[in-house]
Structure formats: C-alpha cells, structure tokens
C-alpha cells in the first residue's frame, strides 16, 4: 500500500525512516556499520522516505546517511532534510543561514538536491519572521533546483496551523500527535487537507512513552503521563504482547496522513517494525489499552516559545 504526499506527487510507503538515531547523541551510541545497514535494508524493503536533519548528532546523521546513499540510484528513495535547528539551543532561521545550511547538507549527503526541505521545529522561532523570511528562502532553494518541495516541522499544532494559513507549504511533519496517547493531529487534518498539504506523522511511540523501556531523561511529558504509559506497557506485556507493536499498528492505519516516520538505526528493529505493520492488530487488546490511556489522552506539553503553543 502506497500513499501520495499531498499534491507533490511523491509516492511514499506507509512507514518512513527517521534517522535521528543515526547521529547517536541523546539516542545512545550507534555503530556506523549498523546505521548504514539499516538504511540499505529500509530501501530494499520498500521504505521510500528517509528524513534527516543537520541537528541530529551535530551533522553526524547526515554524514552517515550520505555514506549509506553513495552509489544508490537516486530514484530508489525520497530524501528530506531540514534547516533552522543546529543544536539543543542553537536556532537560526535567517535567510543567510538557511541558504548556507542547504548547501552544507547537500555536500554531507552527497546529492545535488533533496526532495523535501523543511523548517525544523518552527516553534522555537519567531513565526512572523519564519513566514516573511525563512519560507521565502526555501522557495528560492526550490527555484534553484536544490529541493523539489518545502515544508515545516514542529510539535505544537498551533504553530504548524499558523504557517499553513499564511504561507505556501507542500508538507507538514507533526510528531507525538497521532499516537495511542495523543490523537490531536486529527483536528488539524481538515485544514492541511484543504490547503493541499501532505502530512507526515512522526513518533508513533511518542518518543518512548509507548515502549517497555520508557522515556529518556529529556522527555517533556508530565510525570502523570509517563506513569500511566508505563503502567499500560506493563499491562500489555502481561498479556503477551508489546505496547510498541500496538502503537505502531494504530498510527500507521490512520486516515489523512501520507506516511508514519519511525526512527531507528537498528536493522533488526526496522524489520520488526515493518512486520508489525503488516500484521492485523489485536482489536480487543487495542480497545483495552485505549481505555486505560483515556485519563491522559490528548494531554500535551509546551515546547519552544510559549506564544507558539
């Protein structure tokens, strides 16, 4: 089953590859060999979109991905990267930095163009400036042939909806908002659909909330949300299943999205995720899980500037 990304004409697989973990860093160490094997395996198994950013691992993810793609026919994958975020607290949405960032990313990736260039984590910038300067700079990048389409990414739906209302976007990438514990992205889908904007859903595991291992230390979810999710993960394990499996199956079956982005640098994990997607979910267990998550369903948190949330 394949989906078209908005009005771009790009045909994507239901699952796409997120490469933040290729950079190591907050996601723990990863060998370059495993990272490259994961990319090759993803493409061999039919995964189309590969999403990266200079922020991931302080450009390491782009460099490793560039090595993995070396010699790969360009029509075998759809490539997306980003501009605007370069460190935990390093943001620069200026025209000058955007244009330089695109050239730097192309050099690291070893390609002459990306299919999609995105403004990264827009909630950390001045949305009016992004509207007036950053997005027009990306239109220039597209006009120069360095990218085919442009989009925006972020956590607060308010920020993405603001930009969708005021500028031309081909895509939006929303994360943590179409998962078992939070399905608020559904409320924004009519707007994006009316604008012809393709929607990429990311982080179906809510960045670790919906796993047996739990959340990393930097996760912003309230403690009550973490506690309920941990309890539900234990419940599902006791039923002989895995909360991550249900979460991935739930997110990848939602209407109105072109693809679900799942990050991994582990080839075995990639194969497992794709196998889960191919299987039919246990509807009875899924209903029980949704009932147990109801007390914290759609609880969100603030990232970036308060006014952008």
C-alpha atoms as a PDB file:
ATOM      1  CA  UNK A   1       0.000   0.000   0.000  1.00  0.00           C
ATOM      2  CA  UNK A   2       1.388   3.394  -1.030  1.00  0.00           C
ATOM      3  CA  UNK A   3       0.293   6.970  -0.414  1.00  0.00           C
ATOM      4  CA  UNK A   4       0.821  10.248  -2.245  1.00  0.00           C
ATOM      5  CA  UNK A   5       2.253  13.110  -0.184  1.00  0.00           C
ATOM      6  CA  UNK A   6      -0.258  15.925  -0.596  1.00  0.00           C
ATOM      7  CA  UNK A   7      -0.002  17.498  -4.043  1.00  0.00           C
ATOM      8  CA  UNK A   8       3.690  16.729  -4.501  1.00  0.00           C
ATOM      9  CA  UNK A   9       3.146  13.558  -6.482  1.00  0.00           C
ATOM     10  CA  UNK A  10       5.698  11.808  -4.252  1.00  0.00           C
ATOM     11  CA  UNK A  11       4.559   8.246  -3.621  1.00  0.00           C
ATOM     12  CA  UNK A  12       5.505   7.010  -0.165  1.00  0.00           C
ATOM     13  CA  UNK A  13       5.321   3.757   1.745  1.00  0.00           C
ATOM     14  CA  UNK A  14       3.170   3.655   4.921  1.00  0.00           C
ATOM     15  CA  UNK A  15       6.346   3.635   7.056  1.00  0.00           C
ATOM     16  CA  UNK A  16       9.252   6.024   6.534  1.00  0.00           C
ATOM     17  CA  UNK A  17      12.706   6.034   8.094  1.00  0.00           C
ATOM     18  CA  UNK A  18      13.628   8.647  10.671  1.00  0.00           C
ATOM     19  CA  UNK A  19      17.391   8.970  11.076  1.00  0.00           C
ATOM     20  CA  UNK A  20      17.834  10.958  14.267  1.00  0.00           C
ATOM     21  CA  UNK A  21      19.368   7.904  15.927  1.00  0.00           C
ATOM     22  CA  UNK A  22      21.981   7.636  13.184  1.00  0.00           C
ATOM     23  CA  UNK A  23      23.616  10.599  14.846  1.00  0.00           C
ATOM     24  CA  UNK A  24      23.957   8.892  18.222  1.00  0.00           C
ATOM     25  CA  UNK A  25      23.830  11.550  20.922  1.00  0.00           C
ATOM     26  CA  UNK A  26      20.672  11.506  23.048  1.00  0.00           C
ATOM     27  CA  UNK A  27      19.604   8.210  21.485  1.00  0.00           C
ATOM     28  CA  UNK A  28      22.769   6.441  22.607  1.00  0.00           C
ATOM     29  CA  UNK A  29      25.765   5.179  20.647  1.00  0.00           C
ATOM     30  CA  UNK A  30      25.250   3.515  17.291  1.00  0.00           C
ATOM     31  CA  UNK A  31      27.840   1.950  15.042  1.00  0.00           C
ATOM     32  CA  UNK A  32      28.253   3.397  11.581  1.00  0.00           C
ATOM     33  CA  UNK A  33      28.044  -0.138  10.173  1.00  0.00           C
ATOM     34  CA  UNK A  34      24.635  -0.765  11.769  1.00  0.00           C
ATOM     35  CA  UNK A  35      23.407   2.655  10.676  1.00  0.00           C
ATOM     36  CA  UNK A  36      24.367   2.037   7.049  1.00  0.00           C
ATOM     37  CA  UNK A  37      22.900  -1.489   7.123  1.00  0.00           C
ATOM     38  CA  UNK A  38      19.629  -0.052   8.414  1.00  0.00           C
ATOM     39  CA  UNK A  39      19.405   2.474   5.582  1.00  0.00           C
ATOM     40  CA  UNK A  40      20.183  -0.149   2.934  1.00  0.00           C
ATOM     41  CA  UNK A  41      17.707  -2.605   4.427  1.00  0.00           C
ATOM     42  CA  UNK A  42      14.972   0.042   4.596  1.00  0.00           C
ATOM     43  CA  UNK A  43      15.358   0.829   0.906  1.00  0.00           C
ATOM     44  CA  UNK A  44      15.497  -2.872  -0.005  1.00  0.00           C
ATOM     45  CA  UNK A  45      12.262  -3.465   1.943  1.00  0.00           C
ATOM     46  CA  UNK A  46      10.438  -0.706   0.100  1.00  0.00           C
ATOM     47  CA  UNK A  47      10.713   2.211   2.518  1.00  0.00           C
ATOM     48  CA  UNK A  48      10.672   5.357   0.388  1.00  0.00           C
ATOM     49  CA  UNK A  49      11.105   8.480   2.540  1.00  0.00           C
ATOM     50  CA  UNK A  50      14.285   8.983   4.565  1.00  0.00           C
ATOM     51  CA  UNK A  51      14.189  12.010   6.857  1.00  0.00           C
ATOM     52  CA  UNK A  52      17.273  13.626   8.390  1.00  0.00           C
ATOM     53  CA  UNK A  53      18.476  16.972   9.757  1.00  0.00           C
ATOM     54  CA  UNK A  54      21.793  18.708  10.480  1.00  0.00           C
ATOM     55  CA  UNK A  55      20.725  18.855  14.146  1.00  0.00           C
ATOM     56  CA  UNK A  56      20.846  15.083  14.512  1.00  0.00           C
ATOM     57  CA  UNK A  57      24.148  14.157  16.099  1.00  0.00           C
ATOM     58  CA  UNK A  58      25.646  17.557  15.211  1.00  0.00           C
ATOM     59  CA  UNK A  59      25.553  16.693  11.463  1.00  0.00           C
ATOM     60  CA  UNK A  60      26.704  13.072  12.013  1.00  0.00           C
ATOM     61  CA  UNK A  61      23.371  11.641  10.855  1.00  0.00           C
ATOM     62  CA  UNK A  62      23.632  13.472   7.543  1.00  0.00           C
ATOM     63  CA  UNK A  63      27.233  12.373   7.066  1.00  0.00           C
ATOM     64  CA  UNK A  64      26.477   8.714   7.825  1.00  0.00           C
ATOM     65  CA  UNK A  65      23.379   8.810   5.640  1.00  0.00           C
ATOM     66  CA  UNK A  66      25.478  10.285   2.834  1.00  0.00           C
ATOM     67  CA  UNK A  67      27.817   7.298   3.067  1.00  0.00           C
ATOM     68  CA  UNK A  68      24.868   4.899   3.013  1.00  0.00           C
ATOM     69  CA  UNK A  69      23.378   6.542  -0.077  1.00  0.00           C
ATOM     70  CA  UNK A  70      26.648   6.676  -2.002  1.00  0.00           C
ATOM     71  CA  UNK A  71      26.168   4.849  -5.306  1.00  0.00           C
ATOM     72  CA  UNK A  72      22.462   4.280  -4.618  1.00  0.00           C
ATOM     73  CA  UNK A  73      20.226   5.101  -7.629  1.00  0.00           C
ATOM     74  CA  UNK A  74      18.528   8.403  -6.835  1.00  0.00           C
ATOM     75  CA  UNK A  75      15.099   7.134  -7.793  1.00  0.00           C
ATOM     76  CA  UNK A  76      15.152   4.454  -5.095  1.00  0.00           C
ATOM     77  CA  UNK A  77      14.500   6.859  -2.226  1.00  0.00           C
ATOM     78  CA  UNK A  78      12.834  10.156  -1.305  1.00  0.00           C
ATOM     79  CA  UNK A  79      15.147  12.365   0.752  1.00  0.00           C
ATOM     80  CA  UNK A  80      14.184  15.067   3.252  1.00  0.00           C
ATOM     81  CA  UNK A  81      16.313  17.297   5.437  1.00  0.00           C
ATOM     82  CA  UNK A  82      15.821  20.474   7.420  1.00  0.00           C
ATOM     83  CA  UNK A  83      17.061  23.979   8.239  1.00  0.00           C
ATOM     84  CA  UNK A  84      16.784  26.213  11.279  1.00  0.00           C
ATOM     85  CA  UNK A  85      17.865  23.985  14.174  1.00  0.00           C
ATOM     86  CA  UNK A  86      21.511  23.082  14.685  1.00  0.00           C
ATOM     87  CA  UNK A  87      21.836  22.264  18.406  1.00  0.00           C
ATOM     88  CA  UNK A  88      19.811  21.842  21.586  1.00  0.00           C
ATOM     89  CA  UNK A  89      19.660  25.624  21.947  1.00  0.00           C
ATOM     90  CA  UNK A  90      21.004  26.703  18.570  1.00  0.00           C
ATOM     91  CA  UNK A  91      18.412  28.079  16.186  1.00  0.00           C
ATOM     92  CA  UNK A  92      18.903  30.333  13.177  1.00  0.00           C
ATOM     93  CA  UNK A  93      16.050  30.913  10.759  1.00  0.00           C
ATOM     94  CA  UNK A  94      17.755  33.744   8.874  1.00  0.00           C
ATOM     95  CA  UNK A  95      17.911  33.742   5.094  1.00  0.00           C
ATOM     96  CA  UNK A  96      21.704  33.636   5.073  1.00  0.00           C
ATOM     97  CA  UNK A  97      21.923  30.633   7.375  1.00  0.00           C
ATOM     98  CA  UNK A  98      19.104  28.810   5.574  1.00  0.00           C
ATOM     99  CA  UNK A  99      20.838  29.069   2.211  1.00  0.00           C
ATOM    100  CA  UNK A 100      24.198  28.045   3.655  1.00  0.00           C
ATOM    101  CA  UNK A 101      22.613  25.191   5.585  1.00  0.00           C
ATOM    102  CA  UNK A 102      21.059  23.717   2.443  1.00  0.00           C
ATOM    103  CA  UNK A 103      24.385  23.750   0.611  1.00  0.00           C
ATOM    104  CA  UNK A 104      26.140  22.180   3.599  1.00  0.00           C
ATOM    105  CA  UNK A 105      23.512  19.436   3.865  1.00  0.00           C
ATOM    106  CA  UNK A 106      23.732  18.618   0.168  1.00  0.00           C
ATOM    107  CA  UNK A 107      27.508  18.278   0.496  1.00  0.00           C
ATOM    108  CA  UNK A 108      27.228  15.967   3.512  1.00  0.00           C
ATOM    109  CA  UNK A 109      24.524  13.874   1.854  1.00  0.00           C
ATOM    110  CA  UNK A 110      26.405  13.660  -1.440  1.00  0.00           C
ATOM    111  CA  UNK A 111      23.425  14.680  -3.591  1.00  0.00           C
ATOM    112  CA  UNK A 112      22.629  17.659  -5.783  1.00  0.00           C
ATOM    113  CA  UNK A 113      19.109  18.055  -4.428  1.00  0.00           C
ATOM    114  CA  UNK A 114      16.736  16.822  -1.751  1.00  0.00           C
ATOM    115  CA  UNK A 115      13.110  16.038  -2.427  1.00  0.00           C
ATOM    116  CA  UNK A 116      11.905  17.930   0.626  1.00  0.00           C
ATOM    117  CA  UNK A 117      13.460  20.800   2.583  1.00  0.00           C
ATOM    118  CA  UNK A 118      11.774  21.648   5.901  1.00  0.00           C
ATOM    119  CA  UNK A 119      11.945  24.353   8.545  1.00  0.00           C
ATOM    120  CA  UNK A 120      12.900  22.427  11.685  1.00  0.00           C
ATOM    121  CA  UNK A 121      10.978  22.908  14.958  1.00  0.00           C
ATOM    122  CA  UNK A 122       9.284  26.144  13.972  1.00  0.00           C
ATOM    123  CA  UNK A 123       8.003  26.758  17.497  1.00  0.00           C
ATOM    124  CA  UNK A 124      11.478  27.852  18.563  1.00  0.00           C
ATOM    125  CA  UNK A 125      11.495  30.738  16.109  1.00  0.00           C
ATOM    126  CA  UNK A 126       9.569  33.932  15.519  1.00  0.00           C
ATOM    127  CA  UNK A 127       6.709  32.661  13.378  1.00  0.00           C
ATOM    128  CA  UNK A 128       6.250  36.035  11.686  1.00  0.00           C
ATOM    129  CA  UNK A 129       9.914  36.016  10.678  1.00  0.00           C
ATOM    130  CA  UNK A 130       9.681  32.429   9.502  1.00  0.00           C
ATOM    131  CA  UNK A 131       6.656  33.449   7.445  1.00  0.00           C
ATOM    132  CA  UNK A 132       8.343  36.516   5.964  1.00  0.00           C
ATOM    133  CA  UNK A 133      11.952  35.312   5.580  1.00  0.00           C
ATOM    134  CA  UNK A 134      12.559  31.604   6.093  1.00  0.00           C
ATOM    135  CA  UNK A 135       9.792  30.198   3.902  1.00  0.00           C
ATOM    136  CA  UNK A 136      10.577  32.588   1.014  1.00  0.00           C
ATOM    137  CA  UNK A 137      14.234  31.495   1.308  1.00  0.00           C
ATOM    138  CA  UNK A 138      13.125  27.896   0.892  1.00  0.00           C
ATOM    139  CA  UNK A 139      11.088  28.861  -2.156  1.00  0.00           C
ATOM    140  CA  UNK A 140      14.349  30.222  -3.554  1.00  0.00           C
ATOM    141  CA  UNK A 141      16.031  26.892  -2.765  1.00  0.00           C
ATOM    142  CA  UNK A 142      13.282  25.101  -4.706  1.00  0.00           C
ATOM    143  CA  UNK A 143      13.555  27.544  -7.613  1.00  0.00           C
ATOM    144  CA  UNK A 144      17.313  26.863  -7.773  1.00  0.00           C
ATOM    145  CA  UNK A 145      16.665  23.117  -8.062  1.00  0.00           C
ATOM    146  CA  UNK A 146      18.254  22.237  -4.722  1.00  0.00           C
ATOM    147  CA  UNK A 147      14.949  20.912  -3.395  1.00  0.00           C
ATOM    148  CA  UNK A 148      11.710  19.864  -5.024  1.00  0.00           C
ATOM    149  CA  UNK A 149       9.267  20.748  -2.261  1.00  0.00           C
ATOM    150  CA  UNK A 150       9.194  22.562   1.077  1.00  0.00           C
ATOM    151  CA  UNK A 151       7.597  22.029   4.441  1.00  0.00           C
ATOM    152  CA  UNK A 152       7.602  22.741   8.159  1.00  0.00           C
ATOM    153  CA  UNK A 153       8.053  20.563  11.228  1.00  0.00           C
ATOM    154  CA  UNK A 154       7.223  21.093  14.881  1.00  0.00           C
ATOM    155  CA  UNK A 155       5.475  19.857  17.997  1.00  0.00           C
ATOM    156  CA  UNK A 156       2.736  22.478  18.656  1.00  0.00           C
ATOM    157  CA  UNK A 157      -0.047  22.094  16.124  1.00  0.00           C
ATOM    158  CA  UNK A 158      -0.866  25.774  16.628  1.00  0.00           C
ATOM    159  CA  UNK A 159       2.437  26.750  15.015  1.00  0.00           C
ATOM    160  CA  UNK A 160       2.017  24.438  12.047  1.00  0.00           C
ATOM    161  CA  UNK A 161      -1.556  25.624  11.501  1.00  0.00           C
ATOM    162  CA  UNK A 162      -0.455  29.271  11.637  1.00  0.00           C
ATOM    163  CA  UNK A 163       2.067  28.712   8.872  1.00  0.00           C
ATOM    164  CA  UNK A 164      -0.371  26.632   6.835  1.00  0.00           C
ATOM    165  CA  UNK A 165      -2.796  29.550   6.976  1.00  0.00           C
ATOM    166  CA  UNK A 166      -0.256  32.199   5.946  1.00  0.00           C
ATOM    167  CA  UNK A 167       2.291  30.690   3.535  1.00  0.00           C
ATOM    168  CA  UNK A 168       2.535  28.034   0.881  1.00  0.00           C
ATOM    169  CA  UNK A 169       3.694  24.717   2.288  1.00  0.00           C
ATOM    170  CA  UNK A 170       3.852  21.424   0.460  1.00  0.00           C
ATOM    171  CA  UNK A 171       4.130  19.362   3.654  1.00  0.00           C
ATOM    172  CA  UNK A 172       3.974  19.418   7.421  1.00  0.00           C
ATOM    173  CA  UNK A 173       5.690  16.969   9.749  1.00  0.00           C
ATOM    174  CA  UNK A 174       3.926  16.552  13.079  1.00  0.00           C
ATOM    175  CA  UNK A 175       5.224  14.330  15.858  1.00  0.00           C
ATOM    176  CA  UNK A 176       3.654  12.822  19.004  1.00  0.00           C
ATOM    177  CA  UNK A 177       0.177  13.901  17.899  1.00  0.00           C
ATOM    178  CA  UNK A 178      -1.220  10.815  16.163  1.00  0.00           C
ATOM    179  CA  UNK A 179      -0.439   8.085  18.633  1.00  0.00           C
ATOM    180  CA  UNK A 180      -2.315   5.966  21.146  1.00  0.00           C
ATOM    181  CA  UNK A 181      -1.932   8.562  23.893  1.00  0.00           C
ATOM    182  CA  UNK A 182      -2.459  11.675  21.745  1.00  0.00           C
ATOM    183  CA  UNK A 183      -4.517  11.940  18.568  1.00  0.00           C
ATOM    184  CA  UNK A 184      -4.862  15.746  18.439  1.00  0.00           C
ATOM    185  CA  UNK A 185      -3.418  15.834  14.913  1.00  0.00           C
ATOM    186  CA  UNK A 186      -6.838  14.713  13.704  1.00  0.00           C
ATOM    187  CA  UNK A 187      -8.205  18.179  14.498  1.00  0.00           C
ATOM    188  CA  UNK A 188      -5.721  19.827  12.108  1.00  0.00           C
ATOM    189  CA  UNK A 189      -6.111  17.404   9.211  1.00  0.00           C
ATOM    190  CA  UNK A 190      -9.078  19.243   7.626  1.00  0.00           C
ATOM    191  CA  UNK A 191      -7.021  22.454   7.402  1.00  0.00           C
ATOM    192  CA  UNK A 192      -3.997  20.712   5.937  1.00  0.00           C
ATOM    193  CA  UNK A 193      -6.195  18.798   3.510  1.00  0.00           C
ATOM    194  CA  UNK A 194      -7.969  21.962   2.347  1.00  0.00           C
ATOM    195  CA  UNK A 195      -4.586  23.568   1.681  1.00  0.00           C
ATOM    196  CA  UNK A 196      -3.343  20.545  -0.266  1.00  0.00           C
ATOM    197  CA  UNK A 197      -0.602  19.990   2.315  1.00  0.00           C
ATOM    198  CA  UNK A 198       0.792  16.479   2.672  1.00  0.00           C
ATOM    199  CA  UNK A 199       1.008  15.257   6.266  1.00  0.00           C
ATOM    200  CA  UNK A 200       3.909  13.239   7.657  1.00  0.00           C
ATOM    201  CA  UNK A 201       3.154  11.705  11.034  1.00  0.00           C
ATOM    202  CA  UNK A 202       6.199  11.039  13.213  1.00  0.00           C
ATOM    203  CA  UNK A 203       6.980   9.382  16.551  1.00  0.00           C
ATOM    204  CA  UNK A 204       4.156   6.822  16.856  1.00  0.00           C
ATOM    205  CA  UNK A 205       5.836   5.641  20.076  1.00  0.00           C
ATOM    206  CA  UNK A 206       5.630   9.179  21.477  1.00  0.00           C
ATOM    207  CA  UNK A 207       9.422   9.286  21.848  1.00  0.00           C
ATOM    208  CA  UNK A 208       9.490   6.313  24.197  1.00  0.00           C
ATOM    209  CA  UNK A 209       6.263   6.802  26.142  1.00  0.00           C
ATOM    210  CA  UNK A 210       4.678   3.809  24.435  1.00  0.00           C
ATOM    211  CA  UNK A 211       7.518   1.339  24.974  1.00  0.00           C
ATOM    212  CA  UNK A 212       8.650  -1.071  27.662  1.00  0.00           C
ATOM    213  CA  UNK A 213      11.890   0.851  28.150  1.00  0.00           C
ATOM    214  CA  UNK A 214      10.114   4.115  28.958  1.00  0.00           C
ATOM    215  CA  UNK A 215      11.113   7.679  28.193  1.00  0.00           C
ATOM    216  CA  UNK A 216      14.583   9.221  28.000  1.00  0.00           C
ATOM    217  CA  UNK A 217      15.523  11.775  30.657  1.00  0.00           C
ATOM    218  CA  UNK A 218      14.922  14.729  28.322  1.00  0.00           C
ATOM    219  CA  UNK A 219      11.304  13.800  27.550  1.00  0.00           C
ATOM    220  CA  UNK A 220       8.915  16.681  28.319  1.00  0.00           C
ATOM    221  CA  UNK A 221       5.770  14.693  29.148  1.00  0.00           C
ATOM    222  CA  UNK A 222       4.251  15.300  32.595  1.00  0.00           C
ATOM    223  CA  UNK A 223       5.046  12.671  35.213  1.00  0.00           C
ATOM    224  CA  UNK A 224       1.412  11.577  35.325  1.00  0.00           C
ATOM    225  CA  UNK A 225       1.503  10.800  31.597  1.00  0.00           C
ATOM    226  CA  UNK A 226       4.731   8.832  31.960  1.00  0.00           C
ATOM    227  CA  UNK A 227       3.305   6.861  34.878  1.00  0.00           C
ATOM    228  CA  UNK A 228       0.115   5.856  33.066  1.00  0.00           C
ATOM    229  CA  UNK A 229       2.017   4.854  29.925  1.00  0.00           C
ATOM    230  CA  UNK A 230       4.459   2.760  31.953  1.00  0.00           C
ATOM    231  CA  UNK A 231       1.566   1.011  33.675  1.00  0.00           C
ATOM    232  CA  UNK A 232      -0.113   0.277  30.353  1.00  0.00           C
ATOM    233  CA  UNK A 233       3.137  -1.074  28.882  1.00  0.00           C
ATOM    234  CA  UNK A 234       3.370  -3.472  31.819  1.00  0.00           C
ATOM    235  CA  UNK A 235      -0.265  -4.498  31.329  1.00  0.00           C
ATOM    236  CA  UNK A 236       0.292  -5.259  27.632  1.00  0.00           C
ATOM    237  CA  UNK A 237       3.428  -7.255  28.407  1.00  0.00           C
ATOM    238  CA  UNK A 238       1.390  -9.295  30.842  1.00  0.00           C
ATOM    239  CA  UNK A 239      -0.980 -10.108  28.002  1.00  0.00           C
ATOM    240  CA  UNK A 240       1.913 -11.478  25.948  1.00  0.00           C
ATOM    241  CA  UNK A 241       2.167  -8.538  23.592  1.00  0.00           C
ATOM    242  CA  UNK A 242       4.095  -5.269  23.241  1.00  0.00           C
ATOM    243  CA  UNK A 243       2.710  -1.750  23.608  1.00  0.00           C
ATOM    244  CA  UNK A 244       5.101  -0.535  20.904  1.00  0.00           C
ATOM    245  CA  UNK A 245       3.555  -3.016  18.470  1.00  0.00           C
ATOM    246  CA  UNK A 246       0.029  -1.763  19.146  1.00  0.00           C
ATOM    247  CA  UNK A 247       1.190   1.843  18.950  1.00  0.00           C
ATOM    248  CA  UNK A 248       2.841   1.398  15.554  1.00  0.00           C
ATOM    249  CA  UNK A 249      -0.139  -0.519  14.194  1.00  0.00           C
ATOM    250  CA  UNK A 250      -2.514   2.189  15.432  1.00  0.00           C
ATOM    251  CA  UNK A 251      -0.590   5.131  13.971  1.00  0.00           C
ATOM    252  CA  UNK A 252       0.135   3.606  10.576  1.00  0.00           C
ATOM    253  CA  UNK A 253      -3.553   2.876   9.984  1.00  0.00           C
ATOM    254  CA  UNK A 254      -4.826   6.422  10.470  1.00  0.00           C
ATOM    255  CA  UNK A 255      -6.526   8.151   7.523  1.00  0.00           C
ATOM    256  CA  UNK A 256      -5.412  11.548   6.282  1.00  0.00           C
ATOM    257  CA  UNK A 257      -1.655  11.016   6.538  1.00  0.00           C
ATOM    258  CA  UNK A 258       0.797  10.070   3.827  1.00  0.00           C
ATOM    259  CA  UNK A 259       3.266   8.134   5.955  1.00  0.00           C
ATOM    260  CA  UNK A 260       4.396   7.490   9.518  1.00  0.00           C
ATOM    261  CA  UNK A 261       8.016   8.255  10.325  1.00  0.00           C
ATOM    262  CA  UNK A 262       9.702   5.777  12.688  1.00  0.00           C
ATOM    263  CA  UNK A 263      13.269   6.383  13.783  1.00  0.00           C
ATOM    264  CA  UNK A 264      15.811   3.602  14.183  1.00  0.00           C
ATOM    265  CA  UNK A 265      19.430   2.777  13.421  1.00  0.00           C
ATOM    266  CA  UNK A 266      18.956  -0.913  14.200  1.00  0.00           C
ATOM    267  CA  UNK A 267      18.280  -3.222  11.236  1.00  0.00           C
ATOM    268  CA  UNK A 268      16.563  -5.845  13.416  1.00  0.00           C
ATOM    269  CA  UNK A 269      14.278  -3.204  14.914  1.00  0.00           C
ATOM    270  CA  UNK A 270      13.444  -1.938  11.439  1.00  0.00           C
ATOM    271  CA  UNK A 271      12.456  -5.414  10.248  1.00  0.00           C
ATOM    272  CA  UNK A 272      10.381  -5.954  13.375  1.00  0.00           C
ATOM    273  CA  UNK A 273       8.549  -2.630  12.913  1.00  0.00           C
ATOM    274  CA  UNK A 274       7.697  -3.408   9.294  1.00  0.00           C
ATOM    275  CA  UNK A 275       6.491  -6.881  10.273  1.00  0.00           C
ATOM    276  CA  UNK A 276       4.222  -5.387  12.912  1.00  0.00           C
ATOM    277  CA  UNK A 277       2.727  -3.020  10.346  1.00  0.00           C
ATOM    278  CA  UNK A 278       1.992  -5.956   8.038  1.00  0.00           C
ATOM    279  CA  UNK A 279       0.068  -7.785  10.791  1.00  0.00           C
ATOM    280  CA  UNK A 280      -3.512  -7.075  11.797  1.00  0.00           C
ATOM    281  CA  UNK A 281      -3.763  -5.541  15.281  1.00  0.00           C
ATOM    282  CA  UNK A 282      -5.404  -7.301  18.205  1.00  0.00           C
ATOM    283  CA  UNK A 283      -8.533  -5.142  18.257  1.00  0.00           C
ATOM    284  CA  UNK A 284      -9.683  -6.386  21.667  1.00  0.00           C
ATOM    285  CA  UNK A 285      -6.356  -5.602  23.310  1.00  0.00           C
ATOM    286  CA  UNK A 286      -6.174  -2.296  21.470  1.00  0.00           C
ATOM    287  CA  UNK A 287      -9.550  -1.267  22.881  1.00  0.00           C
ATOM    288  CA  UNK A 288      -8.447  -2.190  26.408  1.00  0.00           C
ATOM    289  CA  UNK A 289      -5.273  -0.138  26.005  1.00  0.00           C
ATOM    290  CA  UNK A 290      -7.152   2.901  24.733  1.00  0.00           C
ATOM    291  CA  UNK A 291      -9.485   2.702  27.713  1.00  0.00           C
ATOM    292  CA  UNK A 292      -6.544   2.582  30.133  1.00  0.00           C
ATOM    293  CA  UNK A 293      -4.913   5.562  28.390  1.00  0.00           C
ATOM    294  CA  UNK A 294      -8.094   7.623  28.447  1.00  0.00           C
ATOM    295  CA  UNK A 295      -7.205   9.585  31.653  1.00  0.00           C
ATOM    296  CA  UNK A 296      -4.173  11.110  29.918  1.00  0.00           C
ATOM    297  CA  UNK A 297      -5.418  11.023  26.326  1.00  0.00           C
ATOM    298  CA  UNK A 298      -4.523  14.190  24.390  1.00  0.00           C
ATOM    299  CA  UNK A 299      -2.506  15.650  27.267  1.00  0.00           C
ATOM    300  CA  UNK A 300       0.179  17.762  25.601  1.00  0.00           C
ATOM    301  CA  UNK A 301       3.074  19.909  26.814  1.00  0.00           C
ATOM    302  CA  UNK A 302       4.893  23.070  25.855  1.00  0.00           C
ATOM    303  CA  UNK A 303       7.961  23.232  23.636  1.00  0.00           C
ATOM    304  CA  UNK A 304       9.615  26.297  22.167  1.00  0.00           C
ATOM    305  CA  UNK A 305       8.162  29.756  22.722  1.00  0.00           C
ATOM    306  CA  UNK A 306       5.031  29.855  24.893  1.00  0.00           C
ATOM    307  CA  UNK A 307       3.173  32.024  22.377  1.00  0.00           C
ATOM    308  CA  UNK A 308       3.676  29.395  19.669  1.00  0.00           C
ATOM    309  CA  UNK A 309       1.870  26.671  21.613  1.00  0.00           C
END
